[in-house]
């Protein structure tokens, strides 16, 4: 059978008709049809890649790429020395339920990454956004949606509300989210954003650029009151602890920061003024524990006639669309949401064994190494400009 690499693909009778699929996609589609109609039964072997290449009159590499599409969907599994095994006929896809926020800072990007992985693995993924403050309504919605789910992906913010219901149903689930709110003693599989490592990477980068006065912009510490520039340093704040550890690694003793109670731009302008008016020398760079804080901070600085990075270098955490929306674009640490999504969907990629159906009695925590994405929000701060007569950044105007 000859297949055109541009516009032709076979119909159900082996004839060619016009289409827009690329060659490897055409081969994947035809092979998928043969799996679905039973010509290649589940548990059986596909013809070898060389045999398929001769059948389709194409390069074996093209066949390999087509088979990769089917393997990503979970329809086949390639084993060295044995061949390609048909593992699913494509009719019965898993239905998974995502429980968590789907809008806002990181959550929308995470949900979209999960949807993309679900599509690749031939799964159906539905989302349930818990209603704010109504625990009983949330439980009722969750119980109704669980009737049709074979597994669940749970955002860590809602672990305590949802996990008991999932466990009572004997439903397999994986939990994803921020490491600072990880349940301490609960068993389960947890895929966490390694924000502590992300903050360390941000501080590492600023220190490598010559900065020795590096501040932190985070949320207000629990139980702390007072001006925002005095309420960031809480030992209960996971981000603050990571920041202090990173400074210590570089031998930096001086710390500073802003603890935000709200994200009101006016509050942030006042906080920046106060921070840079403190006795001693103000910071030359700030690590924002979320990109949107950096975005708001950038606007606050602009309203004071200051520029990033000329007057103050900034880094963010998350590598969200906020980073690209800034002027200049924000250097930010990518938390690898795509890899988290791939791991989460991979958890459901095989049929559960008898052991899988048993309640998990241990806690498994997986962290994906973050990656710093460099843009234009950090300037080099040479050692010479640390001289008292140079490099001061004051907002007392």
Protein backbone atom coordinates (compact mmCIF):
# COMPACT_ATOMS: atom_id res chain seq x y z
CA UNK A 1 0.00 0.00 0.00
CA UNK A 2 1.45 3.38 -0.99
CA UNK A 3 0.54 6.37 1.18
CA UNK A 4 1.25 9.94 0.15
CA UNK A 5 3.14 12.01 2.69
CA UNK A 6 0.95 14.99 1.92
CA UNK A 7 -2.78 14.46 1.47
CA UNK A 8 -3.84 10.86 0.94
CA UNK A 9 -4.86 8.23 3.48
CA UNK A 10 -6.70 4.93 3.32
CA UNK A 11 -10.39 4.44 3.85
CA UNK A 12 -11.89 1.32 5.45
CA UNK A 13 -11.43 -0.69 2.22
CA UNK A 14 -7.75 0.15 1.79
CA UNK A 15 -8.37 2.83 -0.83
CA UNK A 16 -6.90 6.30 -0.64
CA UNK A 17 -8.83 9.50 -0.03
CA UNK A 18 -7.90 13.11 0.48
CA UNK A 19 -7.07 14.42 3.95
CA UNK A 20 -4.71 16.67 5.90
CA UNK A 21 -2.93 14.14 8.08
CA UNK A 22 0.82 13.76 8.03
CA UNK A 23 2.25 10.41 7.01
CA UNK A 24 2.93 9.06 10.49
CA UNK A 25 -0.52 10.23 11.63
CA UNK A 26 -2.12 8.34 8.72
CA UNK A 27 -0.25 5.17 9.68
CA UNK A 28 -1.28 5.62 13.33
CA UNK A 29 -4.91 6.09 12.29
CA UNK A 30 -4.97 2.98 10.08
CA UNK A 31 -3.28 0.87 12.77
CA UNK A 32 -5.72 2.25 15.34
CA UNK A 33 -8.64 1.15 13.11
CA UNK A 34 -7.19 -2.36 12.84
CA UNK A 35 -6.86 -2.53 16.63
CA UNK A 36 -10.42 -1.32 17.11
CA UNK A 37 -11.96 -3.79 14.66
CA UNK A 38 -10.05 -6.69 16.21
CA UNK A 39 -7.68 -7.42 13.34
CA UNK A 40 -4.91 -6.76 15.88
CA UNK A 41 -6.47 -8.16 19.12
CA UNK A 42 -5.60 -7.04 22.64
CA UNK A 43 -2.75 -9.19 23.95
CA UNK A 44 -1.51 -9.98 20.45
CA UNK A 45 1.53 -8.67 18.61
CA UNK A 46 1.61 -6.09 15.84
CA UNK A 47 3.71 -6.81 12.74
CA UNK A 48 7.32 -5.69 13.17
CA UNK A 49 8.26 -2.11 12.31
CA UNK A 50 10.11 -3.31 9.21
CA UNK A 51 7.05 -5.29 8.09
CA UNK A 52 4.81 -2.26 8.60
CA UNK A 53 7.31 -0.07 6.74
CA UNK A 54 7.18 -2.44 3.73
CA UNK A 55 3.36 -2.56 3.93
CA UNK A 56 3.07 1.24 3.93
CA UNK A 57 6.07 1.75 1.59
CA UNK A 58 7.75 4.19 3.96
CA UNK A 59 10.79 4.60 6.17
CA UNK A 60 10.85 2.50 9.41
CA UNK A 61 11.44 5.73 11.36
CA UNK A 62 8.04 6.98 10.19
CA UNK A 63 6.43 3.77 11.43
CA UNK A 64 8.24 4.16 14.76
CA UNK A 65 6.83 7.67 15.14
CA UNK A 66 3.32 6.40 14.37
CA UNK A 67 3.65 3.64 16.95
CA UNK A 68 4.79 6.20 19.50
CA UNK A 69 1.44 7.97 19.07
CA UNK A 70 -0.39 4.73 19.86
CA UNK A 71 1.93 3.98 22.78
CA UNK A 72 1.30 7.42 24.27
CA UNK A 73 -2.42 6.64 24.14
CA UNK A 74 -1.84 3.38 25.99
CA UNK A 75 -3.00 1.21 23.07
CA UNK A 76 0.32 -0.61 22.57
CA UNK A 77 3.50 -1.37 24.48
CA UNK A 78 6.86 -1.96 22.79
CA UNK A 79 9.14 -4.53 24.45
CA UNK A 80 12.69 -5.13 23.38
CA UNK A 81 13.18 -8.71 22.21
CA UNK A 82 9.46 -9.47 22.11
CA UNK A 83 7.79 -6.94 19.83
CA UNK A 84 4.84 -4.56 20.03
CA UNK A 85 1.95 -5.78 22.18
CA UNK A 86 -1.60 -4.49 21.82
CA UNK A 87 -2.69 -3.41 25.31
CA UNK A 88 -6.03 -1.67 24.66
CA UNK A 89 -8.49 -1.50 21.78
CA UNK A 90 -9.14 2.25 22.06
CA UNK A 91 -12.85 1.86 22.87
CA UNK A 92 -12.72 2.09 26.64
CA UNK A 93 -10.80 5.16 27.79
CA UNK A 94 -10.41 5.91 31.49
CA UNK A 95 -12.50 8.68 32.99
CA UNK A 96 -10.57 10.74 35.52
CA UNK A 97 -11.76 13.52 37.80
CA UNK A 98 -9.62 16.55 38.62
CA UNK A 99 -10.60 18.12 41.94
CA UNK A 100 -9.30 21.63 42.47
CA UNK A 101 -9.08 25.18 41.24
CA UNK A 102 -8.88 25.75 37.49
CA UNK A 103 -8.41 29.51 37.38
CA UNK A 104 -5.86 31.84 38.89
CA UNK A 105 -2.09 31.92 39.17
CA UNK A 106 -0.73 28.40 38.54
CA UNK A 107 -3.92 26.40 38.63
CA UNK A 108 -5.19 27.10 35.13
CA UNK A 109 -1.83 26.19 33.59
CA UNK A 110 -1.72 22.98 35.63
CA UNK A 111 -5.22 21.96 34.56
CA UNK A 112 -4.43 22.66 30.89
CA UNK A 113 -1.27 20.55 31.17
CA UNK A 114 -3.32 17.72 32.67
CA UNK A 115 -5.87 17.99 29.85
CA UNK A 116 -3.11 17.77 27.23
CA UNK A 117 -1.66 14.66 28.86
CA UNK A 118 -5.10 13.08 29.19
CA UNK A 119 -5.71 13.58 25.48
CA UNK A 120 -2.37 11.97 24.63
CA UNK A 121 -3.15 8.97 26.83
CA UNK A 122 -6.70 8.55 25.50
CA UNK A 123 -8.30 9.46 28.86
CA UNK A 124 -11.29 11.63 29.62
CA UNK A 125 -10.58 14.29 32.25
CA UNK A 126 -13.31 16.27 33.98
CA UNK A 127 -12.79 19.11 36.44
CA UNK A 128 -14.61 19.85 39.70
CA UNK A 129 -13.94 23.27 41.20
CA UNK A 130 -14.94 23.19 44.89
CA UNK A 131 -17.41 25.97 45.79
CA UNK A 132 -15.88 28.50 48.15
CA UNK A 133 -16.81 27.98 51.79
CA UNK A 134 -19.54 25.38 51.21
CA UNK A 135 -18.05 22.08 52.33
CA UNK A 136 -21.33 20.17 52.26
CA UNK A 137 -22.19 21.25 48.72
CA UNK A 138 -18.68 20.28 47.64
CA UNK A 139 -19.05 16.79 49.10
CA UNK A 140 -22.39 16.28 47.35
CA UNK A 141 -20.96 17.36 43.99
CA UNK A 142 -17.92 15.17 44.50
CA UNK A 143 -19.97 12.07 45.35
CA UNK A 144 -22.07 12.57 42.22
CA UNK A 145 -19.02 12.96 39.96
CA UNK A 146 -17.27 9.95 41.48
CA UNK A 147 -20.02 7.69 40.11
CA UNK A 148 -18.38 7.89 36.67
CA UNK A 149 -14.69 8.15 37.57
CA UNK A 150 -12.04 5.44 37.54
CA UNK A 151 -9.46 7.66 39.20
CA UNK A 152 -8.89 11.16 40.54
CA UNK A 153 -6.24 13.87 40.54
CA UNK A 154 -6.58 15.93 43.70
CA UNK A 155 -5.21 19.41 44.24
CA UNK A 156 -3.45 19.45 47.58
CA UNK A 157 -5.46 22.47 48.85
CA UNK A 158 -8.53 20.21 49.09
CA UNK A 159 -6.84 17.06 50.38
CA UNK A 160 -8.49 17.05 53.81
CA UNK A 161 -11.99 17.51 52.37
CA UNK A 162 -11.78 15.10 49.43
CA UNK A 163 -9.24 12.39 50.32
CA UNK A 164 -11.47 10.62 52.90
CA UNK A 165 -14.28 10.32 50.31
CA UNK A 166 -11.89 8.97 47.66
CA UNK A 167 -10.41 6.49 50.13
CA UNK A 168 -13.86 5.34 51.23
CA UNK A 169 -14.71 4.60 47.59
CA UNK A 170 -11.45 2.68 47.13
CA UNK A 171 -10.65 5.01 44.23
CA UNK A 172 -7.04 5.43 43.12
CA UNK A 173 -5.92 9.04 43.26
CA UNK A 174 -2.77 11.15 43.15
CA UNK A 175 -2.35 14.52 44.87
CA UNK A 176 -0.56 17.47 43.27
CA UNK A 177 0.30 20.95 44.53
CA UNK A 178 2.55 23.15 46.66
CA UNK A 179 4.97 21.45 49.00
CA UNK A 180 4.42 23.88 51.87
CA UNK A 181 0.93 22.48 52.56
CA UNK A 182 1.87 18.81 52.24
CA UNK A 183 -0.07 16.71 54.82
CA UNK A 184 2.45 15.58 57.40
CA UNK A 185 1.37 12.02 58.20
CA UNK A 186 -1.15 11.03 55.52
CA UNK A 187 -0.31 8.13 53.17
CA UNK A 188 -0.63 8.56 49.42
CA UNK A 189 1.17 9.62 46.25
CA UNK A 190 2.07 13.32 46.22
CA UNK A 191 3.51 15.19 43.21
CA UNK A 192 4.65 18.54 44.55
CA UNK A 193 5.88 21.83 43.16
CA UNK A 194 9.36 22.21 44.63
CA UNK A 195 9.06 25.88 45.51
CA UNK A 196 11.86 25.69 48.07
CA UNK A 197 14.26 24.63 45.34
CA UNK A 198 12.76 27.29 43.03
CA UNK A 199 13.51 30.05 45.55
CA UNK A 200 17.03 28.65 45.95
CA UNK A 201 17.56 28.81 42.16
CA UNK A 202 16.33 32.42 42.08
CA UNK A 203 18.68 33.46 44.89
CA UNK A 204 21.54 31.53 43.24
CA UNK A 205 21.01 33.48 40.02
CA UNK A 206 20.90 36.86 41.75
CA UNK A 207 24.00 36.06 43.79
CA UNK A 208 25.81 34.97 40.61
CA UNK A 209 24.93 38.38 39.14
CA UNK A 210 26.68 40.10 42.03
CA UNK A 211 23.71 40.92 44.28
CA UNK A 212 24.35 40.71 48.03
CA UNK A 213 21.26 42.53 49.25
CA UNK A 214 18.43 40.26 48.13
CA UNK A 215 14.90 40.60 49.52
CA UNK A 216 11.81 38.36 49.49
CA UNK A 217 8.26 39.31 48.51
CA UNK A 218 5.80 36.81 49.95
CA UNK A 219 2.52 36.64 51.85
CA UNK A 220 2.12 38.06 55.34
CA UNK A 221 3.48 35.72 58.02
CA UNK A 222 0.86 34.05 60.27
CA UNK A 223 0.31 36.03 63.45
CA UNK A 224 2.49 38.94 62.36
CA UNK A 225 1.16 42.49 62.38
CA UNK A 226 2.64 45.82 61.39
CA UNK A 227 3.99 47.34 58.18
CA UNK A 228 4.32 44.96 55.25
CA UNK A 229 8.12 45.23 55.20
CA UNK A 230 8.16 43.78 58.74
CA UNK A 231 5.70 40.89 58.33
CA UNK A 232 7.44 38.59 55.86
CA UNK A 233 9.90 36.95 58.29
CA UNK A 234 7.78 34.19 59.77
CA UNK A 235 9.36 30.78 60.56
CA UNK A 236 5.94 29.32 59.66
CA UNK A 237 6.28 30.66 56.12
CA UNK A 238 7.78 27.87 54.02
CA UNK A 239 9.00 30.34 51.41
CA UNK A 240 10.74 32.46 54.03
CA UNK A 241 12.58 29.43 55.41
CA UNK A 242 13.73 28.48 51.90
CA UNK A 243 14.87 32.06 51.29
CA UNK A 244 16.88 32.18 54.52
CA UNK A 245 18.52 28.84 53.69
CA UNK A 246 19.49 30.12 50.23
CA UNK A 247 21.02 33.31 51.68
CA UNK A 248 23.01 31.28 54.19
CA UNK A 249 24.37 29.13 51.36
CA UNK A 250 25.91 32.26 49.81
CA UNK A 251 27.15 33.73 53.09
CA UNK A 252 24.61 36.56 52.99
CA UNK A 253 23.52 37.66 56.46
CA UNK A 254 21.39 40.69 55.61
CA UNK A 255 17.77 39.96 54.79
CA UNK A 256 14.79 42.13 53.87
CA UNK A 257 11.38 41.65 52.37
CA UNK A 258 7.69 42.43 52.03
CA UNK A 259 4.90 40.38 53.57
CA UNK A 260 1.72 41.06 51.61
CA UNK A 261 -1.64 40.83 53.34
CA UNK A 262 -3.46 41.67 50.09
CA UNK A 263 -2.37 42.25 46.50
CA UNK A 264 -3.54 45.84 46.48
CA UNK A 265 -1.12 47.96 44.37
CA UNK A 266 -1.44 50.89 46.77
CA UNK A 267 -0.38 48.72 49.69
CA UNK A 268 2.57 47.47 47.68
CA UNK A 269 3.71 50.99 46.74
CA UNK A 270 3.70 51.92 50.42
CA UNK A 271 5.54 48.70 51.29
CA UNK A 272 8.25 49.36 48.69
CA UNK A 273 8.72 52.91 49.97
CA UNK A 274 9.02 51.66 53.55
CA UNK A 275 11.37 48.81 52.63
CA UNK A 276 13.76 51.09 50.80
CA UNK A 277 13.62 53.72 53.55
CA UNK A 278 14.74 51.34 56.29
CA UNK A 279 18.02 52.15 58.06
CA UNK A 280 20.97 50.64 56.23
CA UNK A 281 21.15 50.00 52.55
CA UNK A 282 18.05 48.83 50.63
CA UNK A 283 17.92 45.64 48.54
CA UNK A 284 19.22 45.64 44.98
CA UNK A 285 17.11 42.61 44.02
CA UNK A 286 13.88 40.92 45.10
CA UNK A 287 12.66 37.34 44.79
CA UNK A 288 8.87 37.25 44.42
CA UNK A 289 7.43 33.90 45.51
CA UNK A 290 4.75 34.16 42.80
CA UNK A 291 4.90 35.78 39.37
CA UNK A 292 1.82 37.90 39.88
CA UNK A 293 3.45 39.55 42.91
CA UNK A 294 6.36 40.54 40.66
CA UNK A 295 3.92 41.89 38.07
CA UNK A 296 2.18 44.02 40.71
CA UNK A 297 5.55 45.09 42.12
CA UNK A 298 6.75 46.14 38.66
CA UNK A 299 3.73 48.42 38.29
CA UNK A 300 4.30 49.85 41.77
CA UNK A 301 7.91 50.66 40.91
CA UNK A 302 6.86 52.29 37.62
CA UNK A 303 4.42 54.53 39.50
CA UNK A 304 7.38 55.70 41.59
CA UNK A 305 9.45 56.46 38.49
CA UNK A 306 11.71 53.43 38.95
CA UNK A 307 12.67 50.86 36.35
CA UNK A 308 13.31 47.12 36.38
CA UNK A 309 16.13 46.07 36.25
CA UNK A 310 17.97 49.41 36.21
CA UNK A 311 16.92 50.32 39.74
CA UNK A 312 15.88 46.94 41.10
CA UNK A 313 16.25 43.40 39.76
CA UNK A 314 13.29 41.03 40.06
CA UNK A 315 12.74 37.29 39.76
CA UNK A 316 9.51 35.33 40.04
CA UNK A 317 8.35 31.78 40.72
CA UNK A 318 6.07 29.87 38.36
CA UNK A 319 6.97 31.02 34.85
CA UNK A 320 3.29 31.79 34.27
CA UNK A 321 1.87 34.18 31.61
CA UNK A 322 2.41 36.99 34.13
CA UNK A 323 6.15 36.67 33.45
CA UNK A 324 5.82 37.43 29.74
CA UNK A 325 3.25 40.17 30.42
CA UNK A 326 5.76 42.26 32.38
CA UNK A 327 7.90 45.03 30.91
CA UNK A 328 10.63 43.94 30.76
CA UNK A 329 9.77 40.22 30.73
CA UNK A 330 10.36 38.55 34.09
CA UNK A 331 13.05 35.98 34.80
CA UNK A 332 11.16 33.24 36.59
CA UNK A 333 11.58 29.67 37.82
CA UNK A 334 9.46 27.17 35.90
CA UNK A 335 7.87 24.61 38.25
CA UNK A 336 7.61 22.03 35.41
CA UNK A 337 3.83 21.68 35.36
CA UNK A 338 4.00 19.59 32.17
CA UNK A 339 6.20 17.02 33.88
CA UNK A 340 3.92 16.98 36.93
CA UNK A 341 0.96 16.35 34.61
CA UNK A 342 2.79 13.56 32.79
CA UNK A 343 3.62 11.84 36.09
CA UNK A 344 0.03 12.24 37.31
CA UNK A 345 -1.51 10.69 34.18
CA UNK A 346 1.17 8.01 34.13
CA UNK A 347 -0.12 6.88 37.53
CA UNK A 348 -3.29 5.67 35.77
CA UNK A 349 -1.62 4.35 32.62
CA UNK A 350 -1.80 0.68 33.58
CA UNK A 351 -4.59 -1.55 34.78
CA UNK A 352 -4.57 -1.66 38.60
CA UNK A 353 -3.23 -4.86 40.12
CA UNK A 354 -4.54 -6.43 43.30
CA UNK A 355 -1.79 -4.56 45.18
CA UNK A 356 -2.90 -1.26 43.64
CA UNK A 357 -6.40 -1.76 45.02
CA UNK A 358 -5.09 -2.04 48.57
CA UNK A 359 -5.01 1.24 50.51
CA UNK A 360 -1.57 2.82 50.33
CA UNK A 361 0.02 2.69 53.76
CA UNK A 362 3.01 4.90 53.06
CA UNK A 363 3.65 8.41 51.86
CA UNK A 364 5.35 8.74 48.46
CA UNK A 365 6.52 12.26 47.58
CA UNK A 366 7.90 13.06 44.13
CA UNK A 367 9.48 16.42 43.30
CA UNK A 368 10.39 17.61 39.83
CA UNK A 369 13.51 19.77 39.54
CA UNK A 370 12.46 23.37 38.68
CA UNK A 371 14.18 25.26 35.85
CA UNK A 372 15.20 28.92 35.81
CA UNK A 373 13.98 30.79 32.71
CA UNK A 374 16.12 33.84 32.06
CA UNK A 375 14.56 36.97 30.59
CA UNK A 376 15.37 40.66 31.06
CA UNK A 377 14.39 41.54 34.64
CA UNK A 378 17.80 40.97 36.28
CA UNK A 379 20.82 43.24 35.84
CA UNK A 380 24.38 42.47 36.85
CA UNK A 381 25.37 44.23 40.05
CA UNK A 382 29.18 44.58 40.00
CA UNK A 383 31.08 44.45 43.26
CA UNK A 384 32.34 48.00 42.63
CA UNK A 385 28.81 49.42 42.84
CA UNK A 386 28.42 48.03 46.36
CA UNK A 387 30.54 50.94 47.49
CA UNK A 388 28.52 53.31 49.72
CA UNK A 389 28.79 56.06 47.11
CA UNK A 390 27.38 53.95 44.32
CA UNK A 391 24.39 51.79 43.57
CA UNK A 392 22.02 53.12 46.27
CA UNK A 393 18.37 52.75 45.49
CA UNK A 394 16.26 55.17 47.51
CA UNK A 395 12.59 55.99 47.12
CA UNK A 396 12.65 58.94 49.50
CA UNK A 397 11.44 61.43 46.98
